[in-house]
Amino acid sequence: MPPVSRTVRIGSAHGLHARPAKLFAQAAKDSGLPVSIAKGAASPVNAASILGVIALGVEKGDYVTLTAEGDGAEALLDELTELLTTDHDAEA
């Protein structure tokens, strides 16, 4: 099964800082599938690594590319897209 990718626009008012990055990385980790996230031309990082995700320096409105591989990859990308497009800062 080939990897599936999706480009997503970040919705959180403060980008992928600690709280939304933790929610995202935990969901990626819990999936058990290999998932990567990349911003622009930067090398992709393991989406399950909170430090890797934060190190990308993703801000509100930035676009990132998610790539997942394996059974359920499309459904996983749906779930991760929902996390990234939600403004977690507005819910606090």
PDB file of N, CA and C in Angstrom:
ATOM      1  N   MET A   1       0.843  -1.185   0.000  1.00  0.00           N
ATOM      2  CA  MET A   1       0.000   0.000   0.000  1.00  0.00           C
ATOM      3  C   MET A   1       0.892   1.254   0.000  1.00  0.00           C
ATOM      4  N   PRO A   2       0.726   2.122  -0.974  1.00  0.00           N
ATOM      5  CA  PRO A   2       1.586   3.322  -1.020  1.00  0.00           C
ATOM      6  C   PRO A   2       1.208   4.319   0.076  1.00  0.00           C
ATOM      7  N   PRO A   3       2.161   5.140   0.491  1.00  0.00           N
ATOM      8  CA  PRO A   3       1.859   6.155   1.512  1.00  0.00           C
ATOM      9  C   PRO A   3       0.823   7.147   0.977  1.00  0.00           C
ATOM     10  N   VAL A   4       0.037   7.712   1.860  1.00  0.00           N
ATOM     11  CA  VAL A   4      -0.912   8.753   1.489  1.00  0.00           C
ATOM     12  C   VAL A   4      -0.477  10.056   2.141  1.00  0.00           C
ATOM     13  N   SER A   5      -0.677  11.161   1.409  1.00  0.00           N
ATOM     14  CA  SER A   5      -0.265  12.472   1.913  1.00  0.00           C
ATOM     15  C   SER A   5      -1.433  13.441   1.863  1.00  0.00           C
ATOM     16  N   ARG A   6      -1.340  14.435   2.709  1.00  0.00           N
ATOM     17  CA  ARG A   6      -2.359  15.479   2.728  1.00  0.00           C
ATOM     18  C   ARG A   6      -1.705  16.776   3.191  1.00  0.00           C
ATOM     19  N   THR A   7      -2.068  17.884   2.539  1.00  0.00           N
ATOM     20  CA  THR A   7      -1.571  19.198   2.946  1.00  0.00           C
ATOM     21  C   THR A   7      -2.668  19.874   3.759  1.00  0.00           C
ATOM     22  N   VAL A   8      -2.279  20.415   4.911  1.00  0.00           N
ATOM     23  CA  VAL A   8      -3.231  20.945   5.881  1.00  0.00           C
ATOM     24  C   VAL A   8      -2.802  22.339   6.306  1.00  0.00           C
ATOM     25  N   ARG A   9      -3.779  23.230   6.497  1.00  0.00           N
ATOM     26  CA  ARG A   9      -3.509  24.581   7.002  1.00  0.00           C
ATOM     27  C   ARG A   9      -3.766  24.598   8.510  1.00  0.00           C
ATOM     28  N   ILE A  10      -2.818  25.120   9.266  1.00  0.00           N
ATOM     29  CA  ILE A  10      -2.883  25.126  10.730  1.00  0.00           C
ATOM     30  C   ILE A  10      -3.928  26.125  11.228  1.00  0.00           C
ATOM     31  N   GLY A  11      -4.786  25.672  12.161  1.00  0.00           N
ATOM     32  CA  GLY A  11      -5.865  26.512  12.660  1.00  0.00           C
ATOM     33  C   GLY A  11      -5.615  27.143  14.016  1.00  0.00           C
ATOM     34  N   SER A  12      -4.754  26.551  14.842  1.00  0.00           N
ATOM     35  CA  SER A  12      -4.541  27.093  16.191  1.00  0.00           C
ATOM     36  C   SER A  12      -3.940  28.495  16.122  1.00  0.00           C
ATOM     37  N   ALA A  13      -4.507  29.388  16.916  1.00  0.00           N
ATOM     38  CA  ALA A  13      -4.100  30.795  16.900  1.00  0.00           C
ATOM     39  C   ALA A  13      -2.607  30.982  17.149  1.00  0.00           C
ATOM     40  N   HIS A  14      -2.000  30.091  17.930  1.00  0.00           N
ATOM     41  CA  HIS A  14      -0.579  30.216  18.241  1.00  0.00           C
ATOM     42  C   HIS A  14       0.248  29.125  17.577  1.00  0.00           C
ATOM     43  N   GLY A  15      -0.300  28.490  16.550  1.00  0.00           N
ATOM     44  CA  GLY A  15       0.446  27.461  15.824  1.00  0.00           C
ATOM     45  C   GLY A  15       0.574  26.174  16.620  1.00  0.00           C
ATOM     46  N   LEU A  16       1.578  25.383  16.261  1.00  0.00           N
ATOM     47  CA  LEU A  16       1.784  24.096  16.936  1.00  0.00           C
ATOM     48  C   LEU A  16       2.743  24.259  18.102  1.00  0.00           C
ATOM     49  N   HIS A  17       2.280  24.957  19.138  1.00  0.00           N
ATOM     50  CA  HIS A  17       3.078  25.070  20.366  1.00  0.00           C
ATOM     51  C   HIS A  17       2.759  23.862  21.239  1.00  0.00           C
ATOM     52  N   ALA A  18       3.165  23.877  22.479  1.00  0.00           N
ATOM     53  CA  ALA A  18       3.124  22.682  23.344  1.00  0.00           C
ATOM     54  C   ALA A  18       1.792  21.938  23.370  1.00  0.00           C
ATOM     55  N   ARG A  19       0.685  22.612  23.658  1.00  0.00           N
ATOM     56  CA  ARG A  19      -0.572  21.882  23.838  1.00  0.00           C
ATOM     57  C   ARG A  19      -1.061  21.227  22.540  1.00  0.00           C
ATOM     58  N   PRO A  20      -1.260  21.981  21.453  1.00  0.00           N
ATOM     59  CA  PRO A  20      -1.720  21.308  20.232  1.00  0.00           C
ATOM     60  C   PRO A  20      -0.689  20.325  19.672  1.00  0.00           C
ATOM     61  N   ALA A  21       0.593  20.615  19.854  1.00  0.00           N
ATOM     62  CA  ALA A  21       1.626  19.689  19.366  1.00  0.00           C
ATOM     63  C   ALA A  21       1.554  18.380  20.146  1.00  0.00           C
ATOM     64  N   LYS A  22       1.275  18.476  21.443  1.00  0.00           N
ATOM     65  CA  LYS A  22       1.158  17.264  22.263  1.00  0.00           C
ATOM     66  C   LYS A  22      -0.043  16.437  21.831  1.00  0.00           C
ATOM     67  N   LEU A  23      -1.187  17.075  21.610  1.00  0.00           N
ATOM     68  CA  LEU A  23      -2.391  16.370  21.157  1.00  0.00           C
ATOM     69  C   LEU A  23      -2.134  15.673  19.820  1.00  0.00           C
ATOM     70  N   PHE A  24      -1.494  16.397  18.905  1.00  0.00           N
ATOM     71  CA  PHE A  24      -1.197  15.864  17.575  1.00  0.00           C
ATOM     72  C   PHE A  24      -0.219  14.692  17.651  1.00  0.00           C
ATOM     73  N   ALA A  25       0.891  14.891  18.365  1.00  0.00           N
ATOM     74  CA  ALA A  25       1.919  13.849  18.452  1.00  0.00           C
ATOM     75  C   ALA A  25       1.371  12.602  19.149  1.00  0.00           C
ATOM     76  N   GLN A  26       0.537  12.786  20.172  1.00  0.00           N
ATOM     77  CA  GLN A  26      -0.039  11.639  20.884  1.00  0.00           C
ATOM     78  C   GLN A  26      -0.968  10.844  19.968  1.00  0.00           C
ATOM     79  N   ALA A  27      -1.779  11.546  19.168  1.00  0.00           N
ATOM     80  CA  ALA A  27      -2.686  10.868  18.241  1.00  0.00           C
ATOM     81  C   ALA A  27      -1.895  10.093  17.187  1.00  0.00           C
ATOM     82  N   ALA A  28      -0.805  10.694  16.700  1.00  0.00           N
ATOM     83  CA  ALA A  28       0.041  10.014  15.718  1.00  0.00           C
ATOM     84  C   ALA A  28       0.671   8.772  16.336  1.00  0.00           C
ATOM     85  N   LYS A  29       1.162   8.915  17.559  1.00  0.00           N
ATOM     86  CA  LYS A  29       1.805   7.798  18.257  1.00  0.00           C
ATOM     87  C   LYS A  29       0.803   6.667  18.517  1.00  0.00           C
ATOM     88  N   ASP A  30      -0.384   7.028  18.997  1.00  0.00           N
ATOM     89  CA  ASP A  30      -1.407   6.039  19.336  1.00  0.00           C
ATOM     90  C   ASP A  30      -1.885   5.246  18.127  1.00  0.00           C
ATOM     91  N   SER A  31      -1.746   5.817  16.944  1.00  0.00           N
ATOM     92  CA  SER A  31      -2.222   5.146  15.724  1.00  0.00           C
ATOM     93  C   SER A  31      -1.427   3.886  15.412  1.00  0.00           C
ATOM     94  N   GLY A  32      -0.155   3.885  15.825  1.00  0.00           N
ATOM     95  CA  GLY A  32       0.703   2.748  15.515  1.00  0.00           C
ATOM     96  C   GLY A  32       1.204   2.734  14.083  1.00  0.00           C
ATOM     97  N   LEU A  33       0.822   3.743  13.300  1.00  0.00           N
ATOM     98  CA  LEU A  33       1.265   3.828  11.901  1.00  0.00           C
ATOM     99  C   LEU A  33       2.422   4.813  11.789  1.00  0.00           C
ATOM    100  N   PRO A  34       3.305   4.605  10.803  1.00  0.00           N
ATOM    101  CA  PRO A  34       4.353   5.605  10.568  1.00  0.00           C
ATOM    102  C   PRO A  34       3.735   6.859   9.956  1.00  0.00           C
ATOM    103  N   VAL A  35       3.920   7.985  10.644  1.00  0.00           N
ATOM    104  CA  VAL A  35       3.370   9.261  10.188  1.00  0.00           C
ATOM    105  C   VAL A  35       4.474  10.304  10.247  1.00  0.00           C
ATOM    106  N   SER A  36       4.557  11.116   9.195  1.00  0.00           N
ATOM    107  CA  SER A  36       5.517  12.215   9.226  1.00  0.00           C
ATOM    108  C   SER A  36       4.786  13.519   8.948  1.00  0.00           C
ATOM    109  N   ILE A  37       5.411  14.612   9.379  1.00  0.00           N
ATOM    110  CA  ILE A  37       4.886  15.953   9.136  1.00  0.00           C
ATOM    111  C   ILE A  37       6.039  16.810   8.634  1.00  0.00           C
ATOM    112  N   ALA A  38       5.771  17.626   7.621  1.00  0.00           N
ATOM    113  CA  ALA A  38       6.805  18.497   7.058  1.00  0.00           C
ATOM    114  C   ALA A  38       6.222  19.880   6.824  1.00  0.00           C
ATOM    115  N   LYS A  39       7.071  20.894   7.005  1.00  0.00           N
ATOM    116  CA  LYS A  39       6.688  22.277   6.722  1.00  0.00           C
ATOM    117  C   LYS A  39       7.597  22.788   5.613  1.00  0.00           C
ATOM    118  N   GLY A  40       6.986  23.202   4.517  1.00  0.00           N
ATOM    119  CA  GLY A  40       7.752  23.747   3.401  1.00  0.00           C
ATOM    120  C   GLY A  40       8.778  22.759   2.879  1.00  0.00           C
ATOM    121  N   ALA A  41       9.987  23.244   2.630  1.00  0.00           N
ATOM    122  CA  ALA A  41      11.044  22.407   2.066  1.00  0.00           C
ATOM    123  C   ALA A  41      11.847  21.668   3.132  1.00  0.00           C
ATOM    124  N   ALA A  42      11.482  21.864   4.401  1.00  0.00           N
ATOM    125  CA  ALA A  42      12.207  21.198   5.488  1.00  0.00           C
ATOM    126  C   ALA A  42      11.997  19.690   5.425  1.00  0.00           C
ATOM    127  N   SER A  43      12.966  18.958   5.927  1.00  0.00           N
ATOM    128  CA  SER A  43      12.846  17.502   5.969  1.00  0.00           C
ATOM    129  C   SER A  43      11.690  17.110   6.876  1.00  0.00           C
ATOM    130  N   PRO A  44      10.937  16.067   6.502  1.00  0.00           N
ATOM    131  CA  PRO A  44       9.844  15.609   7.354  1.00  0.00           C
ATOM    132  C   PRO A  44      10.369  15.073   8.681  1.00  0.00           C
ATOM    133  N   VAL A  45       9.562  15.228   9.720  1.00  0.00           N
ATOM    134  CA  VAL A  45       9.908  14.678  11.032  1.00  0.00           C
ATOM    135  C   VAL A  45       8.840  13.665  11.440  1.00  0.00           C
ATOM    136  N   ASN A  46       9.183  12.810  12.382  1.00  0.00           N
ATOM    137  CA  ASN A  46       8.253  11.829  12.919  1.00  0.00           C
ATOM    138  C   ASN A  46       7.136  12.587  13.635  1.00  0.00           C
ATOM    139  N   ALA A  47       5.901  12.401  13.188  1.00  0.00           N
ATOM    140  CA  ALA A  47       4.769  13.124  13.768  1.00  0.00           C
ATOM    141  C   ALA A  47       4.489  12.710  15.211  1.00  0.00           C
ATOM    142  N   ALA A  48       4.998  11.556  15.627  1.00  0.00           N
ATOM    143  CA  ALA A  48       4.790  11.095  17.006  1.00  0.00           C
ATOM    144  C   ALA A  48       5.794  11.713  17.980  1.00  0.00           C
ATOM    145  N   SER A  49       6.737  12.506  17.473  1.00  0.00           N
ATOM    146  CA  SER A  49       7.747  13.145  18.318  1.00  0.00           C
ATOM    147  C   SER A  49       7.334  14.582  18.616  1.00  0.00           C
ATOM    148  N   ILE A  50       6.914  14.839  19.858  1.00  0.00           N
ATOM    149  CA  ILE A  50       6.470  16.193  20.209  1.00  0.00           C
ATOM    150  C   ILE A  50       7.587  17.206  19.993  1.00  0.00           C
ATOM    151  N   LEU A  51       8.828  16.837  20.320  1.00  0.00           N
ATOM    152  CA  LEU A  51       9.952  17.771  20.116  1.00  0.00           C
ATOM    153  C   LEU A  51      10.173  18.044  18.639  1.00  0.00           C
ATOM    154  N   GLY A  52      10.061  16.999  17.816  1.00  0.00           N
ATOM    155  CA  GLY A  52      10.213  17.174  16.367  1.00  0.00           C
ATOM    156  C   GLY A  52       9.139  18.086  15.807  1.00  0.00           C
ATOM    157  N   VAL A  53       7.904  17.897  16.275  1.00  0.00           N
ATOM    158  CA  VAL A  53       6.781  18.712  15.798  1.00  0.00           C
ATOM    159  C   VAL A  53       6.973  20.170  16.199  1.00  0.00           C
ATOM    160  N   ILE A  54       7.334  20.405  17.468  1.00  0.00           N
ATOM    161  CA  ILE A  54       7.544  21.783  17.940  1.00  0.00           C
ATOM    162  C   ILE A  54       8.714  22.435  17.201  1.00  0.00           C
ATOM    163  N   ALA A  55       9.759  21.651  16.928  1.00  0.00           N
ATOM    164  CA  ALA A  55      10.952  22.185  16.258  1.00  0.00           C
ATOM    165  C   ALA A  55      10.664  22.694  14.844  1.00  0.00           C
ATOM    166  N   LEU A  56       9.555  22.248  14.238  1.00  0.00           N
ATOM    167  CA  LEU A  56       9.210  22.738  12.903  1.00  0.00           C
ATOM    168  C   LEU A  56       8.838  24.221  12.925  1.00  0.00           C
ATOM    169  N   GLY A  57       8.454  24.736  14.087  1.00  0.00           N
ATOM    170  CA  GLY A  57       8.104  26.154  14.205  1.00  0.00           C
ATOM    171  C   GLY A  57       6.871  26.519  13.399  1.00  0.00           C
ATOM    172  N   VAL A  58       5.849  25.690  13.464  1.00  0.00           N
ATOM    173  CA  VAL A  58       4.633  25.896  12.675  1.00  0.00           C
ATOM    174  C   VAL A  58       3.758  26.970  13.322  1.00  0.00           C
ATOM    175  N   GLU A  59       3.375  27.957  12.526  1.00  0.00           N
ATOM    176  CA  GLU A  59       2.545  29.073  12.994  1.00  0.00           C
ATOM    177  C   GLU A  59       1.142  28.965  12.408  1.00  0.00           C
ATOM    178  N   LYS A  60       0.190  29.738  12.968  1.00  0.00           N
ATOM    179  CA  LYS A  60      -1.172  29.773  12.445  1.00  0.00           C
ATOM    180  C   LYS A  60      -1.148  30.151  10.971  1.00  0.00           C
ATOM    181  N   GLY A  61      -1.887  29.407  10.166  1.00  0.00           N
ATOM    182  CA  GLY A  61      -1.982  29.698   8.742  1.00  0.00           C
ATOM    183  C   GLY A  61      -0.924  29.005   7.901  1.00  0.00           C
ATOM    184  N   ASP A  62       0.118  28.450   8.543  1.00  0.00           N
ATOM    185  CA  ASP A  62       1.138  27.697   7.795  1.00  0.00           C
ATOM    186  C   ASP A  62       0.516  26.430   7.229  1.00  0.00           C
ATOM    187  N   TYR A  63       1.107  25.955   6.150  1.00  0.00           N
ATOM    188  CA  TYR A  63       0.694  24.683   5.572  1.00  0.00           C
ATOM    189  C   TYR A  63       1.738  23.626   5.911  1.00  0.00           C
ATOM    190  N   VAL A  64       1.262  22.441   6.285  1.00  0.00           N
ATOM    191  CA  VAL A  64       2.146  21.311   6.553  1.00  0.00           C
ATOM    192  C   VAL A  64       1.659  20.134   5.715  1.00  0.00           C
ATOM    193  N   THR A  65       2.563  19.224   5.439  1.00  0.00           N
ATOM    194  CA  THR A  65       2.202  18.020   4.699  1.00  0.00           C
ATOM    195  C   THR A  65       2.342  16.819   5.620  1.00  0.00           C
ATOM    196  N   LEU A  66       1.248  16.084   5.740  1.00  0.00           N
ATOM    197  CA  LEU A  66       1.228  14.861   6.528  1.00  0.00           C
ATOM    198  C   LEU A  66       1.348  13.675   5.585  1.00  0.00           C
ATOM    199  N   THR A  67       2.105  12.677   5.980  1.00  0.00           N
ATOM    200  CA  THR A  67       2.221  11.449   5.206  1.00  0.00           C
ATOM    201  C   THR A  67       2.088  10.272   6.168  1.00  0.00           C
ATOM    202  N   ALA A  68       1.230   9.322   5.809  1.00  0.00           N
ATOM    203  CA  ALA A  68       1.032   8.125   6.633  1.00  0.00           C
ATOM    204  C   ALA A  68       1.040   6.903   5.734  1.00  0.00           C
ATOM    205  N   GLU A  69       1.365   5.777   6.333  1.00  0.00           N
ATOM    206  CA  GLU A  69       1.476   4.540   5.571  1.00  0.00           C
ATOM    207  C   GLU A  69       0.837   3.402   6.353  1.00  0.00           C
ATOM    208  N   GLY A  70       0.126   2.517   5.638  1.00  0.00           N
ATOM    209  CA  GLY A  70      -0.439   1.330   6.281  1.00  0.00           C
ATOM    210  C   GLY A  70      -1.954   1.327   6.254  1.00  0.00           C
ATOM    211  N   ASP A  71      -2.522   0.257   6.797  1.00  0.00           N
ATOM    212  CA  ASP A  71      -3.976   0.121   6.872  1.00  0.00           C
ATOM    213  C   ASP A  71      -4.550   1.217   7.753  1.00  0.00           C
ATOM    214  N   GLY A  72      -5.538   1.911   7.246  1.00  0.00           N
ATOM    215  CA  GLY A  72      -6.172   2.977   8.011  1.00  0.00           C
ATOM    216  C   GLY A  72      -5.489   4.318   7.886  1.00  0.00           C
ATOM    217  N   ALA A  73      -4.548   4.445   6.946  1.00  0.00           N
ATOM    218  CA  ALA A  73      -3.808   5.705   6.806  1.00  0.00           C
ATOM    219  C   ALA A  73      -4.727   6.870   6.451  1.00  0.00           C
ATOM    220  N   GLU A  74      -5.697   6.654   5.557  1.00  0.00           N
ATOM    221  CA  GLU A  74      -6.624   7.734   5.170  1.00  0.00           C
ATOM    222  C   GLU A  74      -7.428   8.209   6.379  1.00  0.00           C
ATOM    223  N   ALA A  75      -7.969   7.270   7.148  1.00  0.00           N
ATOM    224  CA  ALA A  75      -8.764   7.623   8.336  1.00  0.00           C
ATOM    225  C   ALA A  75      -7.903   8.353   9.357  1.00  0.00           C
ATOM    226  N   LEU A  76      -6.663   7.906   9.507  1.00  0.00           N
ATOM    227  CA  LEU A  76      -5.748   8.569  10.437  1.00  0.00           C
ATOM    228  C   LEU A  76      -5.487  10.002   9.989  1.00  0.00           C
ATOM    229  N   LEU A  77      -5.256  10.202   8.695  1.00  0.00           N
ATOM    230  CA  LEU A  77      -5.015  11.562   8.206  1.00  0.00           C
ATOM    231  C   LEU A  77      -6.254  12.433   8.407  1.00  0.00           C
ATOM    232  N   ASP A  78      -7.448  11.854   8.300  1.00  0.00           N
ATOM    233  CA  ASP A  78      -8.676  12.609   8.593  1.00  0.00           C
ATOM    234  C   ASP A  78      -8.650  13.103  10.042  1.00  0.00           C
ATOM    235  N   GLU A  79      -8.300  12.200  10.956  1.00  0.00           N
ATOM    236  CA  GLU A  79      -8.261  12.532  12.386  1.00  0.00           C
ATOM    237  C   GLU A  79      -7.199  13.596  12.671  1.00  0.00           C
ATOM    238  N   LEU A  80      -6.003  13.413  12.107  1.00  0.00           N
ATOM    239  CA  LEU A  80      -4.915  14.367  12.350  1.00  0.00           C
ATOM    240  C   LEU A  80      -5.214  15.725  11.719  1.00  0.00           C
ATOM    241  N   THR A  81      -5.864  15.716  10.555  1.00  0.00           N
ATOM    242  CA  THR A  81      -6.260  16.970   9.904  1.00  0.00           C
ATOM    243  C   THR A  81      -7.208  17.746  10.795  1.00  0.00           C
ATOM    244  N   GLU A  82      -8.159  17.043  11.392  1.00  0.00           N
ATOM    245  CA  GLU A  82      -9.116  17.670  12.311  1.00  0.00           C
ATOM    246  C   GLU A  82      -8.381  18.334  13.474  1.00  0.00           C
ATOM    247  N   LEU A  83      -7.386  17.651  14.033  1.00  0.00           N
ATOM    248  CA  LEU A  83      -6.617  18.222  15.136  1.00  0.00           C
ATOM    249  C   LEU A  83      -5.869  19.477  14.704  1.00  0.00           C
ATOM    250  N   LEU A  84      -5.306  19.464  13.508  1.00  0.00           N
ATOM    251  CA  LEU A  84      -4.491  20.590  13.050  1.00  0.00           C
ATOM    252  C   LEU A  84      -5.318  21.790  12.619  1.00  0.00           C
ATOM    253  N   THR A  85      -6.540  21.573  12.145  1.00  0.00           N
ATOM    254  CA  THR A  85      -7.357  22.688  11.661  1.00  0.00           C
ATOM    255  C   THR A  85      -8.194  23.310  12.773  1.00  0.00           C
ATOM    256  N   THR A  86      -8.298  22.640  13.932  1.00  0.00           N
ATOM    257  CA  THR A  86      -9.045  23.161  15.073  1.00  0.00           C
ATOM    258  C   THR A  86      -8.186  24.179  15.816  1.00  0.00           C
ATOM    259  N   ASP A  87      -8.828  25.281  16.252  1.00  0.00           N
ATOM    260  CA  ASP A  87      -8.112  26.277  17.056  1.00  0.00           C
ATOM    261  C   ASP A  87      -8.179  25.861  18.523  1.00  0.00           C
ATOM    262  N   HIS A  88      -7.179  25.102  18.959  1.00  0.00           N
ATOM    263  CA  HIS A  88      -7.137  24.615  20.332  1.00  0.00           C
ATOM    264  C   HIS A  88      -6.956  25.760  21.332  1.00  0.00           C
ATOM    265  N   ASP A  89      -6.442  26.879  20.885  1.00  0.00           N
ATOM    266  CA  ASP A  89      -6.235  28.010  21.766  1.00  0.00           C
ATOM    267  C   ASP A  89      -7.567  28.698  22.085  1.00  0.00           C
ATOM    268  N   ALA A  90      -8.546  28.603  21.190  1.00  0.00           N
ATOM    269  CA  ALA A  90      -9.856  29.212  21.413  1.00  0.00           C
ATOM    270  C   ALA A  90     -10.672  28.426  22.428  1.00  0.00           C
ATOM    271  N   GLU A  91     -10.343  27.137  22.601  1.00  0.00           N
ATOM    272  CA  GLU A  91     -11.113  26.283  23.495  1.00  0.00           C
ATOM    273  C   GLU A  91     -10.663  26.380  24.946  1.00  0.00           C
ATOM    274  N   ALA A  92      -9.502  26.939  25.166  1.00  0.00           N
ATOM    275  CA  ALA A  92      -8.914  26.955  26.522  1.00  0.00           C
ATOM    276  C   ALA A  92      -9.729  27.783  27.486  1.00  0.00           C
TER     277      ALA A  92
END
